[in-house]
Protein backbone atom coordinates (compact mmCIF):
# COMPACT_ATOMS: atom_id res chain seq x y z
CA MET A 1 -16.67 -9.00 -5.92
CA LYS A 2 -15.55 -7.14 -2.93
CA GLU A 3 -12.07 -5.71 -2.15
CA LEU A 4 -11.00 -5.26 1.58
CA VAL A 5 -7.91 -3.42 2.14
CA ILE A 6 -6.10 -3.72 5.63
CA VAL A 7 -4.04 -0.65 6.51
CA SER A 8 -2.43 1.13 9.44
CA GLY A 9 -1.25 4.48 10.32
CA LYS A 10 2.24 3.22 11.03
CA GLY A 11 4.25 0.05 10.72
CA GLY A 12 4.23 -2.56 13.55
CA THR A 13 0.58 -2.48 14.57
CA GLY A 14 0.04 -6.12 13.78
CA LYS A 15 -1.69 -5.52 10.41
CA THR A 16 0.02 -8.41 8.44
CA SER A 17 -0.59 -10.89 11.27
CA ILE A 18 -4.26 -10.08 11.05
CA THR A 19 -4.44 -9.97 7.33
CA ALA A 20 -2.89 -13.52 7.19
CA ALA A 21 -5.44 -14.84 9.63
CA LEU A 22 -8.34 -13.21 7.81
CA ALA A 23 -6.96 -14.81 4.56
CA ALA A 24 -7.33 -18.28 6.22
CA LEU A 25 -10.80 -17.39 7.56
CA ALA A 26 -11.98 -16.17 4.17
CA GLY A 27 -11.16 -19.40 2.45
CA ASN A 28 -10.65 -18.92 -1.33
CA ALA A 29 -10.00 -15.16 -1.61
CA VAL A 30 -7.48 -13.65 -4.03
CA LEU A 31 -4.69 -12.11 -1.94
CA ALA A 32 -2.52 -9.15 -2.57
CA ASP A 33 0.45 -7.80 -0.55
CA CYS A 34 0.63 -4.18 -1.53
CA ASP A 35 3.36 -3.29 1.12
CA VAL A 36 5.90 -3.45 -1.87
CA ASP A 37 8.60 -1.54 -0.01
CA ALA A 38 8.69 -4.14 2.77
CA ALA A 39 6.49 -7.07 1.91
CA ASP A 40 6.17 -9.70 4.58
CA LEU A 41 2.84 -11.50 4.07
CA HIS A 42 4.66 -14.37 2.35
CA LEU A 43 6.48 -15.14 5.52
CA LEU A 44 3.23 -16.30 7.11
CA LEU A 45 1.47 -17.78 4.09
CA HIS A 46 4.51 -19.52 2.48
CA PRO A 47 3.50 -19.01 -1.15
CA GLU A 48 4.73 -21.11 -3.98
CA LYS A 49 5.72 -18.84 -6.92
CA ILE A 50 3.96 -19.60 -10.22
CA ALA A 51 5.36 -16.79 -12.26
CA SER A 52 7.50 -13.68 -11.91
CA HIS A 53 7.42 -10.45 -13.81
CA GLN A 54 9.84 -7.48 -14.19
CA PHE A 55 8.60 -4.13 -13.06
CA ILE A 56 9.83 -1.54 -15.56
CA SER A 57 9.30 2.08 -14.60
CA GLY A 58 11.00 5.36 -15.29
CA HIS A 59 14.47 5.80 -16.91
CA GLU A 60 17.99 5.69 -15.83
CA ALA A 61 20.84 7.75 -17.52
CA ILE A 62 24.15 6.19 -18.35
CA ILE A 63 27.04 8.03 -19.77
CA ASP A 64 29.02 6.44 -22.71
CA PRO A 65 32.64 7.04 -21.87
CA GLU A 66 33.62 6.77 -25.59
CA LYS A 67 31.40 9.65 -26.52
CA CYS A 68 31.83 11.72 -23.47
CA ARG A 69 34.02 14.91 -23.97
CA ASN A 70 34.34 15.50 -20.22
CA CYS A 71 32.82 19.03 -20.62
CA GLY A 72 30.96 18.73 -17.28
CA GLU A 73 27.71 20.19 -18.59
CA CYS A 74 25.74 17.34 -17.25
CA MET A 75 27.16 17.79 -13.73
CA ARG A 76 26.40 21.51 -13.90
CA LEU A 77 22.70 21.00 -14.85
CA CYS A 78 22.01 18.01 -12.55
CA ARG A 79 20.01 19.33 -9.61
CA PHE A 80 20.13 15.97 -7.85
CA LYS A 81 23.93 15.87 -7.77
CA ALA A 82 23.83 12.49 -9.46
CA ILE A 83 26.84 13.17 -11.76
CA THR A 84 30.11 12.20 -10.29
CA VAL A 85 33.77 12.11 -11.54
CA LYS A 86 36.09 9.03 -11.07
CA ASN A 87 39.38 8.60 -12.73
CA ASN A 88 38.60 11.64 -14.94
CA LYS A 89 35.49 10.00 -16.06
CA PHE A 90 31.96 11.32 -15.71
CA MET A 91 29.52 8.74 -14.20
CA VAL A 92 25.82 8.74 -13.08
CA ASP A 93 25.03 7.51 -9.67
CA PRO A 94 22.02 5.23 -10.17
CA TYR A 95 20.89 5.73 -6.51
CA ALA A 96 20.76 9.57 -6.90
CA CYS A 97 19.45 9.78 -10.47
CA GLU A 98 15.82 10.74 -10.59
CA GLY A 99 15.47 10.03 -14.28
CA CYS A 100 14.44 13.48 -15.22
CA GLY A 101 16.38 13.42 -18.50
CA VAL A 102 17.93 16.89 -18.33
CA CYS A 103 21.40 15.62 -18.83
CA VAL A 104 20.31 13.53 -21.82
CA ARG A 105 18.63 16.53 -23.50
CA PHE A 106 21.38 19.08 -23.11
CA CYS A 107 24.55 16.78 -23.49
CA PRO A 108 26.45 18.51 -26.30
CA ALA A 109 27.98 15.22 -27.41
CA GLN A 110 24.80 13.23 -27.06
CA ALA A 111 26.87 10.82 -24.91
CA ILE A 112 24.11 9.85 -22.41
CA ASP A 113 21.82 7.06 -23.04
CA PHE A 114 18.39 6.85 -21.28
CA PHE A 115 17.47 3.25 -20.57
CA GLU A 116 14.22 2.12 -19.12
CA SER A 117 14.84 1.27 -15.43
CA LEU A 118 14.26 -2.10 -13.85
CA CYS A 119 12.65 -1.06 -10.51
CA GLY A 120 11.68 -4.43 -9.07
CA GLU A 121 9.72 -7.57 -9.67
CA TRP A 122 6.03 -8.78 -8.94
CA TYR A 123 4.94 -12.35 -8.53
CA GLU A 124 1.89 -14.53 -8.91
CA SER A 125 2.04 -17.36 -6.28
CA LYS A 126 -0.23 -20.09 -4.85
CA THR A 127 -1.04 -20.37 -1.24
CA SER A 128 -3.20 -22.83 0.89
CA PHE A 129 -5.81 -20.03 0.99
CA GLY A 130 -5.95 -18.84 -2.69
CA VAL A 131 -3.85 -17.11 -5.25
CA MET A 132 -1.54 -14.40 -4.04
CA PHE A 133 0.18 -11.46 -5.80
CA HIS A 134 3.12 -9.68 -4.23
CA ALA A 135 6.14 -7.74 -5.24
CA LYS A 136 9.59 -6.62 -4.31
CA LEU A 137 10.75 -2.98 -5.02
CA ALA A 138 14.46 -2.80 -5.92
CA PRO A 139 16.69 -0.88 -3.40
CA ALA A 140 16.31 2.88 -3.71
CA ALA A 141 13.75 2.37 -6.44
CA GLU A 142 10.97 4.77 -6.99
CA ASN A 143 7.40 4.46 -8.35
CA SER A 144 6.23 2.11 -5.56
CA GLY A 145 2.66 3.44 -6.02
CA LYS A 146 2.76 2.24 -9.68
CA LEU A 147 3.96 -1.10 -8.53
CA VAL A 148 1.06 -1.30 -5.93
CA SER A 149 -1.46 -0.57 -8.87
CA GLN A 150 0.17 -3.44 -10.89
CA VAL A 151 -0.33 -5.82 -8.07
CA ARG A 152 -3.87 -4.80 -7.55
CA GLN A 153 -4.64 -4.90 -11.23
CA ALA A 154 -3.28 -8.46 -11.57
CA ALA A 155 -5.33 -9.57 -8.53
CA ARG A 156 -8.49 -8.01 -9.96
CA GLU A 157 -8.05 -9.83 -13.31
CA THR A 158 -7.56 -13.15 -11.61
CA ALA A 159 -10.42 -12.60 -9.29
CA GLU A 160 -12.69 -11.91 -12.28
CA LYS A 161 -11.52 -15.06 -14.24
CA GLN A 162 -11.98 -17.18 -11.17
CA GLY A 163 -15.29 -15.59 -9.99
CA SER A 164 -13.91 -14.92 -6.66
CA LYS A 165 -16.07 -12.90 -4.29
CA LEU A 166 -13.23 -11.28 -2.26
CA ILE A 167 -9.87 -9.65 -2.78
CA LEU A 168 -7.97 -9.27 0.47
CA VAL A 169 -5.16 -6.70 0.31
CA ASP A 170 -2.45 -6.22 2.93
CA GLY A 171 -1.83 -2.43 2.46
CA PRO A 172 1.39 -0.45 3.37
CA PRO A 173 1.40 1.76 6.45
CA GLY A 174 0.96 5.47 6.57
CA ILE A 175 -0.99 7.81 4.14
CA GLY A 176 1.60 8.21 1.27
CA CYS A 177 1.47 7.40 -2.43
CA PRO A 178 1.57 3.46 -1.97
CA VAL A 179 -1.38 3.70 0.56
CA ILE A 180 -3.26 5.90 -1.88
CA ALA A 181 -2.66 3.38 -4.72
CA SER A 182 -3.86 0.51 -2.44
CA LEU A 183 -7.11 2.23 -1.34
CA THR A 184 -8.60 3.92 -4.40
CA GLY A 185 -11.50 2.03 -5.74
CA ALA A 186 -11.65 -0.48 -2.91
CA SER A 187 -15.01 -1.65 -1.35
CA ALA A 188 -13.84 -1.18 2.23
CA VAL A 189 -10.82 -0.53 4.44
CA LEU A 190 -10.04 -2.06 7.72
CA ILE A 191 -7.69 0.14 9.97
CA VAL A 192 -5.50 -1.65 12.49
CA ALA A 193 -4.59 0.87 15.30
CA GLU A 194 -2.64 0.52 18.45
CA PRO A 195 -3.62 2.22 21.82
CA THR A 196 -1.01 4.91 22.04
CA VAL A 197 -1.09 8.54 21.57
CA SER A 198 0.75 8.28 18.29
CA GLY A 199 -1.41 5.47 17.20
CA GLU A 200 -4.47 7.55 17.75
CA HIS A 201 -2.94 10.37 15.71
CA ASP A 202 -2.00 7.99 12.84
CA MET A 203 -5.39 6.44 12.76
CA LYS A 204 -7.06 9.92 12.32
CA ARG A 205 -4.93 10.62 9.30
CA VAL A 206 -5.91 7.18 7.64
CA LEU A 207 -9.52 7.76 8.57
CA GLY A 208 -9.22 11.09 6.73
CA LEU A 209 -7.79 9.51 3.63
CA ALA A 210 -10.49 6.85 3.49
CA GLY A 211 -13.05 9.66 3.84
CA HIS A 212 -11.49 11.59 1.16
CA PHE A 213 -11.94 8.76 -1.29
CA LYS A 214 -15.40 7.94 0.28
CA ILE A 215 -14.24 4.30 1.18
CA PRO A 216 -16.29 2.78 3.96
CA ALA A 217 -13.91 2.30 7.03
CA MET A 218 -13.80 -0.25 9.78
CA VAL A 219 -11.57 0.05 12.87
CA CYS A 220 -10.04 -2.61 15.18
CA VAL A 221 -7.50 -1.88 18.00
CA ASN A 222 -4.66 -4.37 18.57
CA LYS A 223 -3.25 -4.80 22.04
CA TRP A 224 -6.19 -2.87 23.32
CA ASP A 225 -5.76 -3.89 27.06
CA LEU A 226 -2.47 -2.21 27.30
CA ASN A 227 -4.27 1.20 27.37
CA PRO A 228 -8.12 0.93 27.69
CA GLU A 229 -8.44 4.71 27.81
CA VAL A 230 -6.82 5.32 24.54
CA THR A 231 -8.62 2.53 23.03
CA GLU A 232 -11.97 4.08 24.03
CA ASN A 233 -10.74 7.38 22.31
CA ILE A 234 -9.66 5.62 19.20
CA GLU A 235 -13.16 3.82 18.92
CA GLN A 236 -15.04 7.00 19.68
CA ILE A 237 -13.08 8.92 16.95
CA GLY A 238 -13.80 6.10 14.59
CA LEU A 239 -17.57 6.10 15.27
CA LYS A 240 -17.76 9.91 14.89
CA SER A 241 -16.15 9.71 11.53
CA GLY A 242 -18.59 7.19 10.35
CA ALA A 243 -16.43 4.14 10.70
CA ARG A 244 -17.53 0.79 12.23
CA VAL A 245 -15.74 -0.69 15.21
CA VAL A 246 -15.34 -4.38 14.40
CA GLY A 247 -13.43 -5.59 17.38
CA ARG A 248 -10.61 -5.49 19.75
CA VAL A 249 -7.51 -7.78 19.87
CA PRO A 250 -5.95 -8.26 23.39
CA TYR A 251 -2.28 -8.36 24.02
CA ASP A 252 -1.38 -12.09 23.46
CA THR A 253 2.21 -13.32 23.04
CA ILE A 254 0.65 -16.06 20.74
CA PHE A 255 1.08 -13.65 17.84
CA THR A 256 4.86 -13.52 18.39
CA GLU A 257 5.07 -17.28 18.83
CA ALA A 258 2.94 -17.85 15.62
CA MET A 259 5.17 -15.34 13.70
CA VAL A 260 8.47 -16.99 14.93
CA ASN A 261 7.12 -20.38 13.85
CA GLY A 262 5.78 -19.13 10.48
CA ARG A 263 2.26 -19.87 11.50
CA LEU A 264 -1.08 -18.08 11.80
CA VAL A 265 -2.52 -16.94 15.01
CA ILE A 266 -5.71 -18.90 14.32
CA ASP A 267 -3.65 -22.09 14.32
CA TYR A 268 -3.91 -21.64 18.04
CA PRO A 269 -7.68 -21.67 18.40
CA GLU A 270 -7.90 -21.82 22.19
CA THR A 271 -6.05 -18.49 22.65
CA SER A 272 -7.66 -15.13 23.26
CA GLY A 273 -5.75 -13.67 20.14
CA ALA A 274 -7.26 -16.25 17.82
CA GLU A 275 -10.82 -15.81 19.21
CA SER A 276 -10.66 -12.09 18.91
CA VAL A 277 -9.54 -12.29 15.21
CA ILE A 278 -12.34 -14.74 14.37
CA LYS A 279 -14.84 -12.31 15.97
CA ILE A 280 -13.44 -9.46 13.83
CA TRP A 281 -13.93 -11.60 10.72
CA GLU A 282 -17.54 -12.28 11.68
CA ASN A 283 -18.26 -8.56 12.09
CA ILE A 284 -16.56 -7.77 8.81
CA CYS A 285 -18.70 -10.25 7.04
CA GLN A 286 -21.85 -8.58 8.48
CA VAL A 287 -20.68 -5.22 7.26
CA MET A 288 -19.58 -6.37 3.75
């Protein structure tokens, strides 16, 4: 069983559009959308939810007004300024609270409860191209890396049960905690870059992250013909780092048209965008 993670150094490079097209080309892969902060793979694959699960992570402090003595000790100790006063009652701002538990420990009246926090939901769904796992992080919720790990774990368990040969992961952009949680232990990573100066810089950072975890990397450049010179630089940087260059995607408005219509770019087979993605998938199969 192989696990391919598609990532990018920044948002908006076309990563999800390419991932959705690869899912259709792969056939019966297990799919995982690990961009839990802004999941959008479902907009293209139209999954039918089979099951939903709560994501419980961390704690949230809540002041019991009947026990509270209004001494203000919690406000004095809270370094995150999450304690507020309204109508002479002390309250915890749930969006500012980091769940550290200091107020709970040192409250002289023991008036603060410390409940487990509901940080979001994750789902198992059915698509035309296989089972899909995806999630939604609650507004201002933390622990997105843990939610990513939960989604990947569920995808792996299902892949093992079904005997699937491939897990296809739509990873988050950047190099932060959610990206690290998406990459670790993967078979390979495909980096989708765009031909700009910032795109080149962002790709270098993702290459460095993949190299740190010793994950074989592949690179493709989306909208390469908008700046052929920077495209050449990106490909050379990838090759020097040991990554494989698996293709280029030209600028093609069919990507936008497909997205607006909730369809995949390969649904328009006569276009240059569809042809280039199919070629990238053929090259990926040769590598993996």
